[in-house]
């Protein structure tokens, strides 16, 4: 447990300027990057994100669309040189889509403010692997699995697709609100929080793992 705590705090320290902190003097580097893909309903989507401010919402159609912007302390900074030419990288194998970027290390993203917005269509599964940052998910239809090292996770989902929810914050807090009824996480090892709920009527077994930070999740019949 001690080593997991040290590792998580190290990641949070390394990414404090590349994902979480917004500085007014930062400037936008290059143009916003956009992408769009048409996916089938049985697609499995995997987002591998190093660090950033990430927003995920329901797509109005069968397309996965994404937009990415990056900011650095100045147009001539080392950060700007490292982040110049950042692009989405996608790999599609059958119905399995893996999406990442060509700047996939904490050191490449040092000092950068990276923001991504995804619109996810109806699909079978969405897996999110993320090192650090802020992650906000709202009203998506795929079954969800999140594995994150450090940061804050905020999820709002319709309850109709959910069978069970398992939230695990190794160092930090976890809480679940189902139709206005709040459930705080049981403490583990005095520093973490766990929530398990299995009274849903849907088919999705949802899992959210966070090494250090806070998980907040709301389920409602209507959003």
C-alpha atoms as a PDB file:
ATOM      1  CA  UNK A   1       0.000   0.000   0.000  1.00  0.00           C
ATOM      2  CA  UNK A   2       2.859   2.366   0.840  1.00  0.00           C
ATOM      3  CA  UNK A   3       4.396   1.982  -2.630  1.00  0.00           C
ATOM      4  CA  UNK A   4       1.076   2.532  -4.401  1.00  0.00           C
ATOM      5  CA  UNK A   5       0.641   5.761  -2.428  1.00  0.00           C
ATOM      6  CA  UNK A   6       4.153   6.993  -3.313  1.00  0.00           C
ATOM      7  CA  UNK A   7       3.652   6.142  -6.999  1.00  0.00           C
ATOM      8  CA  UNK A   8       0.306   7.954  -7.133  1.00  0.00           C
ATOM      9  CA  UNK A   9       1.663  11.068  -5.439  1.00  0.00           C
ATOM     10  CA  UNK A  10       4.587  11.114  -7.893  1.00  0.00           C
ATOM     11  CA  UNK A  11       2.227  11.010 -10.872  1.00  0.00           C
ATOM     12  CA  UNK A  12       0.055  13.738  -9.368  1.00  0.00           C
ATOM     13  CA  UNK A  13       3.146  15.917  -8.873  1.00  0.00           C
ATOM     14  CA  UNK A  14       4.433  15.333 -12.402  1.00  0.00           C
ATOM     15  CA  UNK A  15       1.077  16.160 -13.970  1.00  0.00           C
ATOM     16  CA  UNK A  16       0.008  19.114 -11.847  1.00  0.00           C
ATOM     17  CA  UNK A  17       0.952  21.483 -14.670  1.00  0.00           C
ATOM     18  CA  UNK A  18       0.040  19.262 -17.608  1.00  0.00           C
ATOM     19  CA  UNK A  19      -3.537  18.426 -16.772  1.00  0.00           C
ATOM     20  CA  UNK A  20      -5.065  20.027 -13.735  1.00  0.00           C
ATOM     21  CA  UNK A  21      -3.774  23.581 -13.380  1.00  0.00           C
ATOM     22  CA  UNK A  22      -4.992  26.200 -15.833  1.00  0.00           C
ATOM     23  CA  UNK A  23      -2.699  29.224 -16.050  1.00  0.00           C
ATOM     24  CA  UNK A  24      -4.010  32.435 -17.611  1.00  0.00           C
ATOM     25  CA  UNK A  25      -0.696  33.131 -19.383  1.00  0.00           C
ATOM     26  CA  UNK A  26      -0.824  29.857 -21.319  1.00  0.00           C
ATOM     27  CA  UNK A  27      -1.240  30.036 -25.107  1.00  0.00           C
ATOM     28  CA  UNK A  28      -2.874  27.652 -27.530  1.00  0.00           C
ATOM     29  CA  UNK A  29      -0.434  25.567 -29.575  1.00  0.00           C
ATOM     30  CA  UNK A  30      -1.520  24.892 -33.148  1.00  0.00           C
ATOM     31  CA  UNK A  31      -5.053  24.188 -34.301  1.00  0.00           C
ATOM     32  CA  UNK A  32      -7.581  21.989 -32.558  1.00  0.00           C
ATOM     33  CA  UNK A  33      -7.319  18.371 -33.704  1.00  0.00           C
ATOM     34  CA  UNK A  34     -10.535  16.642 -34.699  1.00  0.00           C
ATOM     35  CA  UNK A  35     -11.521  13.144 -35.709  1.00  0.00           C
ATOM     36  CA  UNK A  36     -14.700  11.202 -36.501  1.00  0.00           C
ATOM     37  CA  UNK A  37     -15.350   7.472 -36.907  1.00  0.00           C
ATOM     38  CA  UNK A  38     -18.502   5.490 -37.611  1.00  0.00           C
ATOM     39  CA  UNK A  39     -18.805   2.510 -35.261  1.00  0.00           C
ATOM     40  CA  UNK A  40     -21.172  -0.430 -34.907  1.00  0.00           C
ATOM     41  CA  UNK A  41     -23.158  -1.043 -31.724  1.00  0.00           C
ATOM     42  CA  UNK A  42     -21.015  -4.086 -30.859  1.00  0.00           C
ATOM     43  CA  UNK A  43     -17.792  -2.047 -30.904  1.00  0.00           C
ATOM     44  CA  UNK A  44     -15.398  -2.101 -27.943  1.00  0.00           C
ATOM     45  CA  UNK A  45     -13.686   1.279 -27.464  1.00  0.00           C
ATOM     46  CA  UNK A  46     -10.456   1.772 -25.527  1.00  0.00           C
ATOM     47  CA  UNK A  47      -9.144   5.245 -24.714  1.00  0.00           C
ATOM     48  CA  UNK A  48      -5.517   5.317 -23.552  1.00  0.00           C
ATOM     49  CA  UNK A  49      -4.839   8.821 -22.227  1.00  0.00           C
ATOM     50  CA  UNK A  50      -1.672   9.949 -20.494  1.00  0.00           C
ATOM     51  CA  UNK A  51      -2.972  13.073 -18.766  1.00  0.00           C
ATOM     52  CA  UNK A  52      -5.446  15.848 -19.366  1.00  0.00           C
ATOM     53  CA  UNK A  53      -8.836  17.442 -18.833  1.00  0.00           C
ATOM     54  CA  UNK A  54     -11.174  14.898 -20.411  1.00  0.00           C
ATOM     55  CA  UNK A  55     -14.904  15.239 -21.104  1.00  0.00           C
ATOM     56  CA  UNK A  56     -16.964  12.315 -22.477  1.00  0.00           C
ATOM     57  CA  UNK A  57     -20.612  12.559 -23.510  1.00  0.00           C
ATOM     58  CA  UNK A  58     -23.189  10.666 -25.516  1.00  0.00           C
ATOM     59  CA  UNK A  59     -22.979  11.012 -29.298  1.00  0.00           C
ATOM     60  CA  UNK A  60     -26.189  12.024 -31.116  1.00  0.00           C
ATOM     61  CA  UNK A  61     -25.517   9.413 -33.842  1.00  0.00           C
ATOM     62  CA  UNK A  62     -23.359   6.356 -34.620  1.00  0.00           C
ATOM     63  CA  UNK A  63     -20.157   8.393 -34.900  1.00  0.00           C
ATOM     64  CA  UNK A  64     -17.378   8.708 -32.370  1.00  0.00           C
ATOM     65  CA  UNK A  65     -16.138  12.279 -32.586  1.00  0.00           C
ATOM     66  CA  UNK A  66     -13.270  13.875 -30.692  1.00  0.00           C
ATOM     67  CA  UNK A  67     -11.575  17.241 -30.341  1.00  0.00           C
ATOM     68  CA  UNK A  68      -8.213  17.967 -28.749  1.00  0.00           C
ATOM     69  CA  UNK A  69      -6.543  21.260 -27.862  1.00  0.00           C
ATOM     70  CA  UNK A  70      -3.213  21.906 -26.162  1.00  0.00           C
ATOM     71  CA  UNK A  71      -1.801  24.959 -24.365  1.00  0.00           C
ATOM     72  CA  UNK A  72       1.742  25.733 -23.202  1.00  0.00           C
ATOM     73  CA  UNK A  73       3.372  28.569 -21.190  1.00  0.00           C
ATOM     74  CA  UNK A  74       4.471  30.312 -24.392  1.00  0.00           C
ATOM     75  CA  UNK A  75       4.637  29.732 -28.122  1.00  0.00           C
ATOM     76  CA  UNK A  76       8.420  29.341 -27.920  1.00  0.00           C
ATOM     77  CA  UNK A  77       8.605  27.173 -24.804  1.00  0.00           C
ATOM     78  CA  UNK A  78      10.062  23.672 -24.620  1.00  0.00           C
ATOM     79  CA  UNK A  79       6.516  22.499 -23.990  1.00  0.00           C
ATOM     80  CA  UNK A  80       5.352  24.003 -27.307  1.00  0.00           C
ATOM     81  CA  UNK A  81       8.170  22.268 -29.199  1.00  0.00           C
ATOM     82  CA  UNK A  82       7.378  18.901 -27.610  1.00  0.00           C
ATOM     83  CA  UNK A  83       3.646  19.189 -28.233  1.00  0.00           C
ATOM     84  CA  UNK A  84       3.849  20.535 -31.794  1.00  0.00           C
ATOM     85  CA  UNK A  85       2.344  18.019 -34.180  1.00  0.00           C
ATOM     86  CA  UNK A  86       0.265  16.188 -31.587  1.00  0.00           C
ATOM     87  CA  UNK A  87      -2.340  13.984 -33.266  1.00  0.00           C
ATOM     88  CA  UNK A  88      -4.862  11.308 -32.432  1.00  0.00           C
ATOM     89  CA  UNK A  89      -3.598   7.781 -33.115  1.00  0.00           C
ATOM     90  CA  UNK A  90      -6.266   5.158 -33.777  1.00  0.00           C
ATOM     91  CA  UNK A  91      -6.076   1.407 -34.291  1.00  0.00           C
ATOM     92  CA  UNK A  92      -9.140  -0.491 -35.465  1.00  0.00           C
ATOM     93  CA  UNK A  93      -9.040  -4.281 -35.368  1.00  0.00           C
ATOM     94  CA  UNK A  94     -12.409  -5.765 -36.230  1.00  0.00           C
ATOM     95  CA  UNK A  95     -14.843  -4.118 -33.822  1.00  0.00           C
ATOM     96  CA  UNK A  96     -12.123  -3.114 -31.338  1.00  0.00           C
ATOM     97  CA  UNK A  97     -10.997   0.518 -31.478  1.00  0.00           C
ATOM     98  CA  UNK A  98      -7.970   1.757 -29.534  1.00  0.00           C
ATOM     99  CA  UNK A  99      -7.446   5.515 -29.416  1.00  0.00           C
ATOM    100  CA  UNK A 100      -4.463   7.415 -28.027  1.00  0.00           C
ATOM    101  CA  UNK A 101      -2.110  10.237 -29.120  1.00  0.00           C
ATOM    102  CA  UNK A 102       1.433  10.420 -30.471  1.00  0.00           C
ATOM    103  CA  UNK A 103       2.530  12.182 -27.261  1.00  0.00           C
ATOM    104  CA  UNK A 104       2.009   9.352 -24.826  1.00  0.00           C
ATOM    105  CA  UNK A 105       4.344  10.016 -21.893  1.00  0.00           C
ATOM    106  CA  UNK A 106       4.142  12.263 -18.836  1.00  0.00           C
ATOM    107  CA  UNK A 107       7.474  13.825 -19.739  1.00  0.00           C
ATOM    108  CA  UNK A 108       6.313  14.768 -23.251  1.00  0.00           C
ATOM    109  CA  UNK A 109       3.239  16.433 -21.745  1.00  0.00           C
ATOM    110  CA  UNK A 110       5.112  18.240 -18.971  1.00  0.00           C
ATOM    111  CA  UNK A 111       3.889  21.861 -18.600  1.00  0.00           C
ATOM    112  CA  UNK A 112       1.077  21.299 -21.129  1.00  0.00           C
ATOM    113  CA  UNK A 113      -2.651  21.817 -20.610  1.00  0.00           C
ATOM    114  CA  UNK A 114      -4.250  19.105 -22.732  1.00  0.00           C
ATOM    115  CA  UNK A 115      -8.021  19.092 -23.213  1.00  0.00           C
ATOM    116  CA  UNK A 116     -10.040  16.426 -24.997  1.00  0.00           C
ATOM    117  CA  UNK A 117     -13.762  16.104 -25.634  1.00  0.00           C
ATOM    118  CA  UNK A 118     -15.273  12.839 -26.874  1.00  0.00           C
ATOM    119  CA  UNK A 119     -18.789  12.046 -28.061  1.00  0.00           C
ATOM    120  CA  UNK A 120     -19.286   8.280 -27.752  1.00  0.00           C
ATOM    121  CA  UNK A 121     -21.995   6.415 -29.733  1.00  0.00           C
ATOM    122  CA  UNK A 122     -23.995   3.444 -28.525  1.00  0.00           C
ATOM    123  CA  UNK A 123     -21.545   0.554 -28.315  1.00  0.00           C
ATOM    124  CA  UNK A 124     -20.756  -2.527 -26.277  1.00  0.00           C
ATOM    125  CA  UNK A 125     -17.949  -1.369 -23.985  1.00  0.00           C
ATOM    126  CA  UNK A 126     -15.862   1.712 -23.188  1.00  0.00           C
ATOM    127  CA  UNK A 127     -12.529   1.131 -21.422  1.00  0.00           C
ATOM    128  CA  UNK A 128     -10.577   4.174 -20.215  1.00  0.00           C
ATOM    129  CA  UNK A 129      -6.943   3.927 -19.123  1.00  0.00           C
ATOM    130  CA  UNK A 130      -5.578   7.221 -17.824  1.00  0.00           C
ATOM    131  CA  UNK A 131      -2.525   8.308 -15.840  1.00  0.00           C
ATOM    132  CA  UNK A 132      -3.735  11.585 -14.349  1.00  0.00           C
ATOM    133  CA  UNK A 133      -6.075  14.534 -14.692  1.00  0.00           C
ATOM    134  CA  UNK A 134      -9.780  15.320 -14.560  1.00  0.00           C
ATOM    135  CA  UNK A 135     -12.254  12.895 -16.122  1.00  0.00           C
ATOM    136  CA  UNK A 136     -15.949  13.762 -16.609  1.00  0.00           C
ATOM    137  CA  UNK A 137     -18.384  11.259 -18.127  1.00  0.00           C
ATOM    138  CA  UNK A 138     -22.056  11.965 -18.767  1.00  0.00           C
ATOM    139  CA  UNK A 139     -24.991   9.980 -20.112  1.00  0.00           C
ATOM    140  CA  UNK A 140     -23.110   7.465 -22.296  1.00  0.00           C
ATOM    141  CA  UNK A 141     -24.606   4.101 -23.302  1.00  0.00           C
ATOM    142  CA  UNK A 142     -21.653   1.636 -23.426  1.00  0.00           C
ATOM    143  CA  UNK A 143     -20.719  -0.381 -20.349  1.00  0.00           C
ATOM    144  CA  UNK A 144     -17.888   1.460 -18.611  1.00  0.00           C
ATOM    145  CA  UNK A 145     -14.563   0.415 -17.130  1.00  0.00           C
ATOM    146  CA  UNK A 146     -12.101   3.055 -15.845  1.00  0.00           C
ATOM    147  CA  UNK A 147      -8.542   2.541 -14.602  1.00  0.00           C
ATOM    148  CA  UNK A 148      -6.805   5.761 -13.534  1.00  0.00           C
ATOM    149  CA  UNK A 149      -3.699   6.532 -11.482  1.00  0.00           C
ATOM    150  CA  UNK A 150      -4.327   9.993 -10.017  1.00  0.00           C
ATOM    151  CA  UNK A 151      -6.910  12.756 -10.300  1.00  0.00           C
ATOM    152  CA  UNK A 152     -10.645  13.294 -10.114  1.00  0.00           C
ATOM    153  CA  UNK A 153     -13.427  11.256 -11.741  1.00  0.00           C
ATOM    154  CA  UNK A 154     -17.000  12.517 -12.038  1.00  0.00           C
ATOM    155  CA  UNK A 155     -19.588  10.239 -13.668  1.00  0.00           C
ATOM    156  CA  UNK A 156     -23.302  10.802 -14.352  1.00  0.00           C
ATOM    157  CA  UNK A 157     -25.091   7.859 -15.977  1.00  0.00           C
ATOM    158  CA  UNK A 158     -28.631   6.665 -16.678  1.00  0.00           C
ATOM    159  CA  UNK A 159     -29.482   3.820 -14.312  1.00  0.00           C
ATOM    160  CA  UNK A 160     -31.366   1.727 -16.880  1.00  0.00           C
ATOM    161  CA  UNK A 161     -28.229   0.077 -18.316  1.00  0.00           C
ATOM    162  CA  UNK A 162     -26.441  -0.571 -14.994  1.00  0.00           C
ATOM    163  CA  UNK A 163     -26.545  -3.863 -13.077  1.00  0.00           C
ATOM    164  CA  UNK A 164     -23.765  -3.150 -10.582  1.00  0.00           C
ATOM    165  CA  UNK A 165     -21.148  -0.536  -9.706  1.00  0.00           C
ATOM    166  CA  UNK A 166     -17.790  -1.113  -8.059  1.00  0.00           C
ATOM    167  CA  UNK A 167     -15.792   2.012  -7.127  1.00  0.00           C
ATOM    168  CA  UNK A 168     -12.309   1.716  -5.644  1.00  0.00           C
ATOM    169  CA  UNK A 169     -10.137   4.671  -4.601  1.00  0.00           C
ATOM    170  CA  UNK A 170      -6.937   3.305  -3.051  1.00  0.00           C
ATOM    171  CA  UNK A 171      -5.956   6.720  -1.660  1.00  0.00           C
ATOM    172  CA  UNK A 172      -8.851   9.169  -1.526  1.00  0.00           C
ATOM    173  CA  UNK A 173     -12.652   9.127  -1.611  1.00  0.00           C
ATOM    174  CA  UNK A 174     -15.381   7.255  -3.477  1.00  0.00           C
ATOM    175  CA  UNK A 175     -19.098   8.027  -3.423  1.00  0.00           C
ATOM    176  CA  UNK A 176     -22.215   6.901  -5.278  1.00  0.00           C
ATOM    177  CA  UNK A 177     -25.594   8.620  -5.546  1.00  0.00           C
ATOM    178  CA  UNK A 178     -28.524   6.581  -6.901  1.00  0.00           C
ATOM    179  CA  UNK A 179     -31.685   8.612  -7.526  1.00  0.00           C
ATOM    180  CA  UNK A 180     -30.842  10.995  -4.713  1.00  0.00           C
ATOM    181  CA  UNK A 181     -29.758   8.334  -2.207  1.00  0.00           C
ATOM    182  CA  UNK A 182     -26.129   8.898  -1.278  1.00  0.00           C
ATOM    183  CA  UNK A 183     -23.702   6.125  -0.427  1.00  0.00           C
ATOM    184  CA  UNK A 184     -20.192   6.995   0.763  1.00  0.00           C
ATOM    185  CA  UNK A 185     -17.307   4.595   0.339  1.00  0.00           C
ATOM    186  CA  UNK A 186     -16.295   2.156   3.048  1.00  0.00           C
ATOM    187  CA  UNK A 187     -12.821   3.063   4.306  1.00  0.00           C
ATOM    188  CA  UNK A 188      -9.978   0.734   3.372  1.00  0.00           C
ATOM    189  CA  UNK A 189      -6.620   0.898   5.120  1.00  0.00           C
ATOM    190  CA  UNK A 190      -7.747   4.258   6.605  1.00  0.00           C
ATOM    191  CA  UNK A 191      -6.820   6.146   3.414  1.00  0.00           C
ATOM    192  CA  UNK A 192      -9.047   4.812   0.625  1.00  0.00           C
ATOM    193  CA  UNK A 193     -12.713   4.344  -0.213  1.00  0.00           C
ATOM    194  CA  UNK A 194     -14.751   1.510  -1.725  1.00  0.00           C
ATOM    195  CA  UNK A 195     -18.352   1.369  -2.913  1.00  0.00           C
ATOM    196  CA  UNK A 196     -20.200  -1.689  -4.200  1.00  0.00           C
ATOM    197  CA  UNK A 197     -23.820  -1.532  -5.377  1.00  0.00           C
ATOM    198  CA  UNK A 198     -25.648  -4.340  -7.211  1.00  0.00           C
ATOM    199  CA  UNK A 199     -29.323  -3.423  -7.289  1.00  0.00           C
ATOM    200  CA  UNK A 200     -29.498  -2.235 -10.880  1.00  0.00           C
ATOM    201  CA  UNK A 201     -31.882  -3.525 -13.555  1.00  0.00           C
ATOM    202  CA  UNK A 202     -29.502  -3.248 -16.526  1.00  0.00           C
ATOM    203  CA  UNK A 203     -26.750  -5.481 -17.909  1.00  0.00           C
ATOM    204  CA  UNK A 204     -23.543  -3.487 -17.308  1.00  0.00           C
ATOM    205  CA  UNK A 205     -21.078  -4.417 -14.563  1.00  0.00           C
ATOM    206  CA  UNK A 206     -19.314  -1.080 -14.029  1.00  0.00           C
ATOM    207  CA  UNK A 207     -15.810  -0.893 -12.545  1.00  0.00           C
ATOM    208  CA  UNK A 208     -13.889   2.296 -11.638  1.00  0.00           C
ATOM    209  CA  UNK A 209     -10.392   2.014 -10.120  1.00  0.00           C
ATOM    210  CA  UNK A 210      -8.429   5.069  -8.979  1.00  0.00           C
ATOM    211  CA  UNK A 211      -5.100   4.920  -7.169  1.00  0.00           C
ATOM    212  CA  UNK A 212      -5.167   8.449  -5.718  1.00  0.00           C
ATOM    213  CA  UNK A 213      -7.908  11.066  -5.835  1.00  0.00           C
ATOM    214  CA  UNK A 214     -11.688  11.234  -5.751  1.00  0.00           C
ATOM    215  CA  UNK A 215     -14.471   9.300  -7.487  1.00  0.00           C
ATOM    216  CA  UNK A 216     -17.968  10.778  -7.567  1.00  0.00           C
ATOM    217  CA  UNK A 217     -20.727   8.920  -9.411  1.00  0.00           C
ATOM    218  CA  UNK A 218     -24.456   9.579  -9.877  1.00  0.00           C
ATOM    219  CA  UNK A 219     -27.046   7.203 -11.328  1.00  0.00           C
ATOM    220  CA  UNK A 220     -30.559   8.409 -12.142  1.00  0.00           C
ATOM    221  CA  UNK A 221     -33.629   7.120 -13.950  1.00  0.00           C
ATOM    222  CA  UNK A 222     -33.586  10.359 -15.954  1.00  0.00           C
ATOM    223  CA  UNK A 223     -30.710  12.803 -16.513  1.00  0.00           C
END
